[in-house]
Each structure stands twice: as C-alpha cells, then as structure tokens.
C-alpha cells in the first residue's frame, strides 16, 4: 500500500519510550536514597502522631476529606518545621559521597 506525502505527514508517529537510566545526584546534593530515607524518617512519625491524636475524630468523614485534612496539616508542618530540622540534624550524613579515585597500576 502506498501513501501520499500528505497522509504520511498527518499519520502520528509511534515512538518507543524507554525508562531513563538512573542519574547520579547533581554535585552538592545528597543521593536520592538518602533523601528517601530522610523523608520516611520525617513523614512516618508525623502521620502516626496525627492519626493517634485526630484519627478517631476524623474517622466519620469520607476518606477523601480525611486525606485532604491530613495533607493540609502534615505538608506545611513537614516543609517548614520537620524537614529543616532533620536536614540540619542529618547534615553530615546527607553530604554526597566523595568521588572514588581509581587505583593506578
């Protein structure tokens, strides 16, 4: 089957998407795995305490409203209080590792 140039131009091209290879953290930033651990260490206790304090009061609300209230309280608290404190506390641990030099032969 032959196609005209006009038909070829209007036919969408199918491209194959491949997962991008993992890139190392930019210089001066901690590796992502360290950021992930620090996030877990900050978020998990906040969510647990939030549920211990207000979980029973919020239980009667529909799930989307409970999640909305939880995020509205936890996100600003994490951003402005918990993460700055954790970052300062974990400062030396969060520094990127020094590049390894290869032994010369």
PDB file of N, CA and C in Angstrom:
ATOM      1  N   UNK A   1       0.842  -1.170   0.000  1.00  0.00           N
ATOM      2  CA  UNK A   1       0.000   0.000   0.000  1.00  0.00           C
ATOM      3  C   UNK A   1       0.890   1.238   0.000  1.00  0.00           C
ATOM      4  N   UNK A   2       0.589   2.165  -0.862  1.00  0.00           N
ATOM      5  CA  UNK A   2       1.372   3.396  -0.931  1.00  0.00           C
ATOM      6  C   UNK A   2       0.577   4.514  -0.300  1.00  0.00           C
ATOM      7  N   UNK A   3       1.302   5.467   0.256  1.00  0.00           N
ATOM      8  CA  UNK A   3       0.636   6.622   0.866  1.00  0.00           C
ATOM      9  C   UNK A   3       1.192   7.888   0.246  1.00  0.00           C
ATOM     10  N   UNK A   4       0.370   8.896   0.260  1.00  0.00           N
ATOM     11  CA  UNK A   4       0.793  10.183  -0.278  1.00  0.00           C
ATOM     12  C   UNK A   4       1.613  10.912   0.781  1.00  0.00           C
ATOM     13  N   UNK A   5       2.414  11.885   0.368  1.00  0.00           N
ATOM     14  CA  UNK A   5       3.183  12.646   1.364  1.00  0.00           C
ATOM     15  C   UNK A   5       2.284  13.329   2.384  1.00  0.00           C
ATOM     16  N   UNK A   6       1.089  13.770   1.943  1.00  0.00           N
ATOM     17  CA  UNK A   6       0.168  14.422   2.883  1.00  0.00           C
ATOM     18  C   UNK A   6      -0.287  13.435   3.948  1.00  0.00           C
ATOM     19  N   UNK A   7      -0.579  12.200   3.566  1.00  0.00           N
ATOM     20  CA  UNK A   7      -1.033  11.192   4.512  1.00  0.00           C
ATOM     21  C   UNK A   7       0.084  10.827   5.483  1.00  0.00           C
ATOM     22  N   UNK A   8       1.313  10.801   4.977  1.00  0.00           N
ATOM     23  CA  UNK A   8       2.438  10.476   5.844  1.00  0.00           C
ATOM     24  C   UNK A   8       2.641  11.557   6.897  1.00  0.00           C
ATOM     25  N   UNK A   9       2.421  12.798   6.535  1.00  0.00           N
ATOM     26  CA  UNK A   9       2.609  13.888   7.477  1.00  0.00           C
ATOM     27  C   UNK A   9       1.535  13.886   8.548  1.00  0.00           C
ATOM     28  N   UNK A  10       0.328  13.476   8.212  1.00  0.00           N
ATOM     29  CA  UNK A  10      -0.748  13.526   9.196  1.00  0.00           C
ATOM     30  C   UNK A  10      -0.822  12.266  10.046  1.00  0.00           C
ATOM     31  N   UNK A  11      -0.084  11.230   9.683  1.00  0.00           N
ATOM     32  CA  UNK A  11      -0.100   9.995  10.454  1.00  0.00           C
ATOM     33  C   UNK A  11       0.770  10.185  11.688  1.00  0.00           C
ATOM     34  N   UNK A  12       0.202   9.904  12.860  1.00  0.00           N
ATOM     35  CA  UNK A  12       1.018  10.069  14.073  1.00  0.00           C
ATOM     36  C   UNK A  12       2.123   9.022  14.111  1.00  0.00           C
ATOM     37  N   UNK A  13       3.239   9.433  14.613  1.00  0.00           N
ATOM     38  CA  UNK A  13       4.375   8.527  14.726  1.00  0.00           C
ATOM     39  C   UNK A  13       4.322   7.835  16.075  1.00  0.00           C
ATOM     40  N   UNK A  14       4.547   6.572  16.066  1.00  0.00           N
ATOM     41  CA  UNK A  14       4.582   5.818  17.307  1.00  0.00           C
ATOM     42  C   UNK A  14       6.032   5.722  17.730  1.00  0.00           C
ATOM     43  N   UNK A  15       6.279   6.169  18.921  1.00  0.00           N
ATOM     44  CA  UNK A  15       7.651   6.117  19.429  1.00  0.00           C
ATOM     45  C   UNK A  15       7.707   5.149  20.592  1.00  0.00           C
ATOM     46  N   UNK A  16       8.836   4.567  20.769  1.00  0.00           N
ATOM     47  CA  UNK A  16       9.016   3.636  21.862  1.00  0.00           C
ATOM     48  C   UNK A  16       9.680   4.391  23.002  1.00  0.00           C
ATOM     49  N   UNK A  17       9.040   4.351  24.164  1.00  0.00           N
ATOM     50  CA  UNK A  17       9.581   5.046  25.325  1.00  0.00           C
ATOM     51  C   UNK A  17      10.350   4.054  26.178  1.00  0.00           C
ATOM     52  N   UNK A  18      11.515   4.455  26.559  1.00  0.00           N
ATOM     53  CA  UNK A  18      12.335   3.633  27.428  1.00  0.00           C
ATOM     54  C   UNK A  18      12.581   4.385  28.719  1.00  0.00           C
ATOM     55  N   UNK A  19      12.713   3.638  29.790  1.00  0.00           N
ATOM     56  CA  UNK A  19      12.994   4.265  31.077  1.00  0.00           C
ATOM     57  C   UNK A  19      14.370   4.920  31.007  1.00  0.00           C
ATOM     58  N   UNK A  20      14.424   6.132  31.515  1.00  0.00           N
ATOM     59  CA  UNK A  20      15.697   6.847  31.532  1.00  0.00           C
ATOM     60  C   UNK A  20      16.627   6.167  32.532  1.00  0.00           C
ATOM     61  N   UNK A  21      17.888   6.069  32.222  1.00  0.00           N
ATOM     62  CA  UNK A  21      18.818   5.451  33.176  1.00  0.00           C
ATOM     63  C   UNK A  21      18.930   6.323  34.419  1.00  0.00           C
ATOM     64  N   UNK A  22      19.139   5.679  35.561  1.00  0.00           N
ATOM     65  CA  UNK A  22      19.274   6.418  36.815  1.00  0.00           C
ATOM     66  C   UNK A  22      20.501   7.312  36.732  1.00  0.00           C
ATOM     67  N   UNK A  23      20.295   8.559  37.078  1.00  0.00           N
ATOM     68  CA  UNK A  23      21.407   9.509  37.051  1.00  0.00           C
ATOM     69  C   UNK A  23      21.881   9.770  38.473  1.00  0.00           C
ATOM     70  N   UNK A  24      23.161   9.974  38.657  1.00  0.00           N
ATOM     71  CA  UNK A  24      23.640  10.303  39.995  1.00  0.00           C
ATOM     72  C   UNK A  24      23.152  11.693  40.393  1.00  0.00           C
ATOM     73  N   UNK A  25      23.094  11.918  41.684  1.00  0.00           N
ATOM     74  CA  UNK A  25      22.650  13.224  42.177  1.00  0.00           C
ATOM     75  C   UNK A  25      23.616  14.304  41.698  1.00  0.00           C
ATOM     76  N   UNK A  26      23.078  15.500  41.392  1.00  0.00           N
ATOM     77  CA  UNK A  26      23.962  16.592  40.991  1.00  0.00           C
ATOM     78  C   UNK A  26      24.951  16.917  42.110  1.00  0.00           C
ATOM     79  N   UNK A  27      26.091  17.486  41.775  1.00  0.00           N
ATOM     80  CA  UNK A  27      27.073  17.828  42.804  1.00  0.00           C
ATOM     81  C   UNK A  27      26.450  18.738  43.863  1.00  0.00           C
ATOM     82  N   UNK A  28      26.754  18.452  45.103  1.00  0.00           N
ATOM     83  CA  UNK A  28      26.246  19.279  46.190  1.00  0.00           C
ATOM     84  C   UNK A  28      24.911  18.801  46.733  1.00  0.00           C
ATOM     85  N   UNK A  29      24.279  17.849  46.089  1.00  0.00           N
ATOM     86  CA  UNK A  29      23.013  17.317  46.578  1.00  0.00           C
ATOM     87  C   UNK A  29      23.218  15.890  47.046  1.00  0.00           C
ATOM     88  N   UNK A  30      22.495  15.503  48.102  1.00  0.00           N
ATOM     89  CA  UNK A  30      22.654  14.128  48.569  1.00  0.00           C
ATOM     90  C   UNK A  30      22.038  13.140  47.585  1.00  0.00           C
ATOM     91  N   UNK A  31      22.477  11.902  47.614  1.00  0.00           N
ATOM     92  CA  UNK A  31      21.878  10.895  46.741  1.00  0.00           C
ATOM     93  C   UNK A  31      20.396  10.717  47.060  1.00  0.00           C
ATOM     94  N   UNK A  32      19.646  10.288  46.076  1.00  0.00           N
ATOM     95  CA  UNK A  32      18.191  10.140  46.254  1.00  0.00           C
ATOM     96  C   UNK A  32      17.844   9.141  47.343  1.00  0.00           C
ATOM     97  N   UNK A  33      18.629   8.092  47.496  1.00  0.00           N
ATOM     98  CA  UNK A  33      18.283   7.101  48.516  1.00  0.00           C
ATOM     99  C   UNK A  33      18.382   7.722  49.911  1.00  0.00           C
ATOM    100  N   UNK A  34      19.320   8.630  50.106  1.00  0.00           N
ATOM    101  CA  UNK A  34      19.419   9.312  51.396  1.00  0.00           C
ATOM    102  C   UNK A  34      18.240  10.266  51.586  1.00  0.00           C
ATOM    103  N   UNK A  35      17.838  10.947  50.527  1.00  0.00           N
ATOM    104  CA  UNK A  35      16.673  11.827  50.609  1.00  0.00           C
ATOM    105  C   UNK A  35      15.412  11.025  50.923  1.00  0.00           C
ATOM    106  N   UNK A  36      15.307   9.846  50.329  1.00  0.00           N
ATOM    107  CA  UNK A  36      14.147   8.990  50.565  1.00  0.00           C
ATOM    108  C   UNK A  36      14.084   8.543  52.019  1.00  0.00           C
ATOM    109  N   UNK A  37      15.215   8.138  52.561  1.00  0.00           N
ATOM    110  CA  UNK A  37      15.238   7.708  53.961  1.00  0.00           C
ATOM    111  C   UNK A  37      14.889   8.869  54.878  1.00  0.00           C
ATOM    112  N   UNK A  38      15.436  10.038  54.615  1.00  0.00           N
ATOM    113  CA  UNK A  38      15.137  11.209  55.441  1.00  0.00           C
ATOM    114  C   UNK A  38      13.652  11.571  55.351  1.00  0.00           C
ATOM    115  N   UNK A  39      13.071  11.447  54.171  1.00  0.00           N
ATOM    116  CA  UNK A  39      11.637  11.707  54.011  1.00  0.00           C
ATOM    117  C   UNK A  39      10.824  10.726  54.835  1.00  0.00           C
ATOM    118  N   UNK A  40      11.174   9.455  54.775  1.00  0.00           N
ATOM    119  CA  UNK A  40      10.465   8.443  55.557  1.00  0.00           C
ATOM    120  C   UNK A  40      10.578   8.745  57.052  1.00  0.00           C
ATOM    121  N   UNK A  41      11.788   9.080  57.497  1.00  0.00           N
ATOM    122  CA  UNK A  41      12.020   9.366  58.915  1.00  0.00           C
ATOM    123  C   UNK A  41      11.203  10.577  59.371  1.00  0.00           C
ATOM    124  N   UNK A  42      10.942  11.517  58.477  1.00  0.00           N
ATOM    125  CA  UNK A  42      10.146  12.688  58.840  1.00  0.00           C
ATOM    126  C   UNK A  42       8.647  12.473  58.723  1.00  0.00           C
ATOM    127  N   UNK A  43       8.213  11.827  57.660  1.00  0.00           N
ATOM    128  CA  UNK A  43       6.774  11.703  57.385  1.00  0.00           C
ATOM    129  C   UNK A  43       6.102  10.649  58.249  1.00  0.00           C
ATOM    130  N   UNK A  44       6.708   9.484  58.380  1.00  0.00           N
ATOM    131  CA  UNK A  44       6.057   8.392  59.106  1.00  0.00           C
ATOM    132  C   UNK A  44       5.665   8.788  60.536  1.00  0.00           C
ATOM    133  N   UNK A  45       6.584   9.332  61.337  1.00  0.00           N
ATOM    134  CA  UNK A  45       6.177   9.714  62.696  1.00  0.00           C
ATOM    135  C   UNK A  45       5.096  10.805  62.718  1.00  0.00           C
ATOM    136  N   UNK A  46       5.176  11.748  61.777  1.00  0.00           N
ATOM    137  CA  UNK A  46       4.148  12.796  61.752  1.00  0.00           C
ATOM    138  C   UNK A  46       2.771  12.219  61.470  1.00  0.00           C
ATOM    139  N   UNK A  47       2.690  11.325  60.480  1.00  0.00           N
ATOM    140  CA  UNK A  47       1.398  10.716  60.156  1.00  0.00           C
ATOM    141  C   UNK A  47       0.886   9.855  61.304  1.00  0.00           C
ATOM    142  N   UNK A  48       1.790   9.141  61.956  1.00  0.00           N
ATOM    143  CA  UNK A  48       1.392   8.295  63.074  1.00  0.00           C
ATOM    144  C   UNK A  48       0.839   9.129  64.226  1.00  0.00           C
ATOM    145  N   UNK A  49       1.543  10.188  64.583  1.00  0.00           N
ATOM    146  CA  UNK A  49       1.085  11.057  65.670  1.00  0.00           C
ATOM    147  C   UNK A  49      -0.230  11.740  65.290  1.00  0.00           C
ATOM    148  N   UNK A  50      -0.322  12.198  64.051  1.00  0.00           N
ATOM    149  CA  UNK A  50      -1.553  12.838  63.594  1.00  0.00           C
ATOM    150  C   UNK A  50      -2.743  11.883  63.750  1.00  0.00           C
ATOM    151  N   UNK A  51      -2.559  10.622  63.345  1.00  0.00           N
ATOM    152  CA  UNK A  51      -3.645   9.638  63.445  1.00  0.00           C
ATOM    153  C   UNK A  51      -3.950   9.292  64.902  1.00  0.00           C
ATOM    154  N   UNK A  52      -2.938   9.248  65.748  1.00  0.00           N
ATOM    155  CA  UNK A  52      -3.184   8.977  67.168  1.00  0.00           C
ATOM    156  C   UNK A  52      -3.999  10.094  67.810  1.00  0.00           C
ATOM    157  N   UNK A  53      -3.698  11.322  67.436  1.00  0.00           N
ATOM    158  CA  UNK A  53      -4.380  12.462  68.053  1.00  0.00           C
ATOM    159  C   UNK A  53      -5.763  12.694  67.449  1.00  0.00           C
ATOM    160  N   UNK A  54      -5.856  12.733  66.121  1.00  0.00           N
ATOM    161  CA  UNK A  54      -7.119  13.112  65.477  1.00  0.00           C
ATOM    162  C   UNK A  54      -7.792  11.994  64.674  1.00  0.00           C
ATOM    163  N   UNK A  55      -7.215  10.826  64.642  1.00  0.00           N
ATOM    164  CA  UNK A  55      -7.758   9.740  63.828  1.00  0.00           C
ATOM    165  C   UNK A  55      -9.197   9.386  64.144  1.00  0.00           C
ATOM    166  N   UNK A  56      -9.537   9.283  65.438  1.00  0.00           N
ATOM    167  CA  UNK A  56     -10.910   8.924  65.822  1.00  0.00           C
ATOM    168  C   UNK A  56     -11.899  10.026  65.455  1.00  0.00           C
ATOM    169  N   UNK A  57     -11.476  11.277  65.595  1.00  0.00           N
ATOM    170  CA  UNK A  57     -12.358  12.396  65.253  1.00  0.00           C
ATOM    171  C   UNK A  57     -12.625  12.453  63.749  1.00  0.00           C
ATOM    172  N   UNK A  58     -11.629  12.085  62.958  1.00  0.00           N
ATOM    173  CA  UNK A  58     -11.771  12.157  61.504  1.00  0.00           C
ATOM    174  C   UNK A  58     -12.388  10.892  60.896  1.00  0.00           C
ATOM    175  N   UNK A  59     -12.515   9.827  61.684  1.00  0.00           N
ATOM    176  CA  UNK A  59     -12.980   8.538  61.160  1.00  0.00           C
ATOM    177  C   UNK A  59     -14.374   8.617  60.534  1.00  0.00           C
ATOM    178  N   UNK A  60     -15.200   9.518  61.003  1.00  0.00           N
ATOM    179  CA  UNK A  60     -16.567   9.612  60.478  1.00  0.00           C
ATOM    180  C   UNK A  60     -16.621  10.310  59.114  1.00  0.00           C
ATOM    181  N   UNK A  61     -15.559  10.997  58.757  1.00  0.00           N
ATOM    182  CA  UNK A  61     -15.538  11.726  57.485  1.00  0.00           C
ATOM    183  C   UNK A  61     -15.220  10.780  56.325  1.00  0.00           C
ATOM    184  N   UNK A  62     -15.651  11.143  55.122  1.00  0.00           N
ATOM    185  CA  UNK A  62     -15.277  10.333  53.950  1.00  0.00           C
ATOM    186  C   UNK A  62     -13.755  10.352  53.750  1.00  0.00           C
ATOM    187  N   UNK A  63     -13.235   9.272  53.203  1.00  0.00           N
ATOM    188  CA  UNK A  63     -11.792   9.126  53.026  1.00  0.00           C
ATOM    189  C   UNK A  63     -11.131  10.310  52.314  1.00  0.00           C
ATOM    190  N   UNK A  64     -11.689  10.805  51.183  1.00  0.00           N
ATOM    191  CA  UNK A  64     -11.009  11.945  50.527  1.00  0.00           C
ATOM    192  C   UNK A  64     -10.893  13.174  51.430  1.00  0.00           C
ATOM    193  N   UNK A  65     -11.885  13.403  52.273  1.00  0.00           N
ATOM    194  CA  UNK A  65     -11.834  14.557  53.185  1.00  0.00           C
ATOM    195  C   UNK A  65     -10.792  14.312  54.282  1.00  0.00           C
ATOM    196  N   UNK A  66     -10.729  13.078  54.813  1.00  0.00           N
ATOM    197  CA  UNK A  66      -9.711  12.756  55.831  1.00  0.00           C
ATOM    198  C   UNK A  66      -8.312  12.958  55.278  1.00  0.00           C
ATOM    199  N   UNK A  67      -8.086  12.480  54.044  1.00  0.00           N
ATOM    200  CA  UNK A  67      -6.763  12.624  53.425  1.00  0.00           C
ATOM    201  C   UNK A  67      -6.458  14.096  53.180  1.00  0.00           C
ATOM    202  N   UNK A  68      -7.437  14.854  52.713  1.00  0.00           N
ATOM    203  CA  UNK A  68      -7.247  16.285  52.469  1.00  0.00           C
ATOM    204  C   UNK A  68      -6.831  17.004  53.751  1.00  0.00           C
ATOM    205  N   UNK A  69      -7.519  16.727  54.849  1.00  0.00           N
ATOM    206  CA  UNK A  69      -7.191  17.369  56.127  1.00  0.00           C
ATOM    207  C   UNK A  69      -5.796  16.946  56.581  1.00  0.00           C
ATOM    208  N   UNK A  70      -5.496  15.660  56.443  1.00  0.00           N
ATOM    209  CA  UNK A  70      -4.179  15.166  56.854  1.00  0.00           C
ATOM    210  C   UNK A  70      -3.062  15.842  56.060  1.00  0.00           C
ATOM    211  N   UNK A  71      -3.218  15.909  54.758  1.00  0.00           N
ATOM    212  CA  UNK A  71      -2.195  16.542  53.912  1.00  0.00           C
ATOM    213  C   UNK A  71      -2.101  18.034  54.207  1.00  0.00           C
ATOM    214  N   UNK A  72      -3.228  18.686  54.437  1.00  0.00           N
ATOM    215  CA  UNK A  72      -3.227  20.126  54.725  1.00  0.00           C
ATOM    216  C   UNK A  72      -2.488  20.445  56.023  1.00  0.00           C
ATOM    217  N   UNK A  73      -2.467  19.514  56.960  1.00  0.00           N
ATOM    218  CA  UNK A  73      -1.750  19.728  58.220  1.00  0.00           C
ATOM    219  C   UNK A  73      -0.295  19.271  58.110  1.00  0.00           C
ATOM    220  N   UNK A  74      -0.091  18.074  57.555  1.00  0.00           N
ATOM    221  CA  UNK A  74       1.246  17.468  57.556  1.00  0.00           C
ATOM    222  C   UNK A  74       2.203  18.128  56.559  1.00  0.00           C
ATOM    223  N   UNK A  75       1.740  18.487  55.370  1.00  0.00           N
ATOM    224  CA  UNK A  75       2.636  19.050  54.348  1.00  0.00           C
ATOM    225  C   UNK A  75       3.309  20.351  54.809  1.00  0.00           C
ATOM    226  N   UNK A  76       2.557  21.339  55.294  1.00  0.00           N
ATOM    227  CA  UNK A  76       3.248  22.557  55.762  1.00  0.00           C
ATOM    228  C   UNK A  76       4.140  22.300  56.973  1.00  0.00           C
ATOM    229  N   UNK A  77       3.679  21.437  57.865  1.00  0.00           N
ATOM    230  CA  UNK A  77       4.494  21.104  59.035  1.00  0.00           C
ATOM    231  C   UNK A  77       5.807  20.449  58.613  1.00  0.00           C
ATOM    232  N   UNK A  78       5.730  19.548  57.646  1.00  0.00           N
ATOM    233  CA  UNK A  78       6.935  18.888  57.142  1.00  0.00           C
ATOM    234  C   UNK A  78       7.854  19.884  56.450  1.00  0.00           C
ATOM    235  N   UNK A  79       7.286  20.744  55.622  1.00  0.00           N
ATOM    236  CA  UNK A  79       8.080  21.680  54.833  1.00  0.00           C
ATOM    237  C   UNK A  79       8.783  22.735  55.676  1.00  0.00           C
ATOM    238  N   UNK A  80       8.068  23.286  56.652  1.00  0.00           N
ATOM    239  CA  UNK A  80       8.614  24.424  57.384  1.00  0.00           C
ATOM    240  C   UNK A  80       9.204  24.097  58.752  1.00  0.00           C
ATOM    241  N   UNK A  81       8.895  22.923  59.311  1.00  0.00           N
ATOM    242  CA  UNK A  81       9.390  22.601  60.643  1.00  0.00           C
ATOM    243  C   UNK A  81      10.249  21.336  60.640  1.00  0.00           C
ATOM    244  N   UNK A  82       9.679  20.232  60.211  1.00  0.00           N
ATOM    245  CA  UNK A  82      10.331  18.938  60.376  1.00  0.00           C
ATOM    246  C   UNK A  82      11.529  18.770  59.436  1.00  0.00           C
ATOM    247  N   UNK A  83      11.363  19.012  58.133  1.00  0.00           N
ATOM    248  CA  UNK A  83      12.474  18.792  57.202  1.00  0.00           C
ATOM    249  C   UNK A  83      13.652  19.737  57.439  1.00  0.00           C
ATOM    250  N   UNK A  84      13.435  21.007  57.716  1.00  0.00           N
ATOM    251  CA  UNK A  84      14.607  21.834  58.039  1.00  0.00           C
ATOM    252  C   UNK A  84      15.364  21.318  59.268  1.00  0.00           C
ATOM    253  N   UNK A  85      14.616  20.880  60.293  1.00  0.00           N
ATOM    254  CA  UNK A  85      15.276  20.358  61.492  1.00  0.00           C
ATOM    255  C   UNK A  85      16.010  19.054  61.188  1.00  0.00           C
ATOM    256  N   UNK A  86      15.372  18.162  60.436  1.00  0.00           N
ATOM    257  CA  UNK A  86      16.023  16.895  60.078  1.00  0.00           C
ATOM    258  C   UNK A  86      17.246  17.125  59.194  1.00  0.00           C
ATOM    259  N   UNK A  87      17.138  18.060  58.265  1.00  0.00           N
ATOM    260  CA  UNK A  87      18.260  18.346  57.373  1.00  0.00           C
ATOM    261  C   UNK A  87      19.450  18.874  58.167  1.00  0.00           C
ATOM    262  N   UNK A  88      19.179  19.741  59.128  1.00  0.00           N
ATOM    263  CA  UNK A  88      20.262  20.270  59.963  1.00  0.00           C
ATOM    264  C   UNK A  88      20.854  19.158  60.827  1.00  0.00           C
ATOM    265  N   UNK A  89      19.984  18.329  61.391  1.00  0.00           N
ATOM    266  CA  UNK A  89      20.431  17.245  62.255  1.00  0.00           C
ATOM    267  C   UNK A  89      21.233  16.198  61.481  1.00  0.00           C
ATOM    268  N   UNK A  90      20.800  15.881  60.276  1.00  0.00           N
ATOM    269  CA  UNK A  90      21.447  14.847  59.469  1.00  0.00           C
ATOM    270  C   UNK A  90      22.455  15.426  58.483  1.00  0.00           C
ATOM    271  N   UNK A  91      22.824  16.677  58.650  1.00  0.00           N
ATOM    272  CA  UNK A  91      23.709  17.365  57.719  1.00  0.00           C
ATOM    273  C   UNK A  91      24.901  16.573  57.232  1.00  0.00           C
ATOM    274  N   UNK A  92      25.750  16.095  58.146  1.00  0.00           N
ATOM    275  CA  UNK A  92      26.932  15.353  57.681  1.00  0.00           C
ATOM    276  C   UNK A  92      26.573  14.061  56.937  1.00  0.00           C
ATOM    277  N   UNK A  93      25.509  13.420  57.322  1.00  0.00           N
ATOM    278  CA  UNK A  93      25.113  12.176  56.662  1.00  0.00           C
ATOM    279  C   UNK A  93      24.545  12.415  55.269  1.00  0.00           C
ATOM    280  N   UNK A  94      24.024  13.614  55.036  1.00  0.00           N
ATOM    281  CA  UNK A  94      23.362  13.906  53.761  1.00  0.00           C
ATOM    282  C   UNK A  94      24.330  14.399  52.693  1.00  0.00           C
ATOM    283  N   UNK A  95      25.558  14.677  53.070  1.00  0.00           N
ATOM    284  CA  UNK A  95      26.520  15.142  52.063  1.00  0.00           C
ATOM    285  C   UNK A  95      26.790  14.027  51.064  1.00  0.00           C
ATOM    286  N   UNK A  96      26.929  14.380  49.807  1.00  0.00           N
ATOM    287  CA  UNK A  96      27.234  13.347  48.821  1.00  0.00           C
ATOM    288  C   UNK A  96      28.604  12.736  49.090  1.00  0.00           C
ATOM    289  N   UNK A  97      28.722  11.463  48.752  1.00  0.00           N
ATOM    290  CA  UNK A  97      29.990  10.776  48.942  1.00  0.00           C
ATOM    291  C   UNK A  97      31.045  11.370  48.022  1.00  0.00           C
ATOM    292  N   UNK A  98      32.258  11.406  48.502  1.00  0.00           N
ATOM    293  CA  UNK A  98      33.370  11.903  47.679  1.00  0.00           C
ATOM    294  C   UNK A  98      33.584  10.922  46.539  1.00  0.00           C
ATOM    295  N   UNK A  99      33.906  11.430  45.353  1.00  0.00           N
ATOM    296  CA  UNK A  99      34.133  10.517  44.229  1.00  0.00           C
ATOM    297  C   UNK A  99      35.322   9.607  44.519  1.00  0.00           C
ATOM    298  N   UNK A 100      35.144   8.368  44.139  1.00  0.00           N
ATOM    299  CA  UNK A 100      36.224   7.394  44.354  1.00  0.00           C
ATOM    300  C   UNK A 100      37.253   7.524  43.245  1.00  0.00           C
ATOM    301  N   UNK A 101      38.490   7.471  43.629  1.00  0.00           N
ATOM    302  CA  UNK A 101      39.538   7.517  42.611  1.00  0.00           C
ATOM    303  C   UNK A 101      39.909   6.067  42.278  1.00  0.00           C
ATOM    304  N   UNK A 102      40.204   5.842  41.020  1.00  0.00           N
ATOM    305  CA  UNK A 102      40.595   4.512  40.594  1.00  0.00           C
ATOM    306  C   UNK A 102      42.081   4.312  40.853  1.00  0.00           C
ATOM    307  N   UNK A 103      42.396   3.145  41.372  1.00  0.00           N
ATOM    308  CA  UNK A 103      43.826   2.894  41.619  1.00  0.00           C
ATOM    309  C   UNK A 103      44.587   2.826  40.300  1.00  0.00           C
ATOM    310  N   UNK A 104      45.768   3.393  40.319  1.00  0.00           N
ATOM    311  CA  UNK A 104      46.603   3.356  39.113  1.00  0.00           C
ATOM    312  C   UNK A 104      47.505   2.147  39.183  1.00  0.00           C
ATOM    313  N   UNK A 105      47.804   1.596  38.055  1.00  0.00           N
ATOM    314  CA  UNK A 105      48.662   0.402  38.008  1.00  0.00           C
ATOM    315  C   UNK A 105      50.016   0.742  37.515  1.00  0.00           C
TER     316      UNK A 105
END
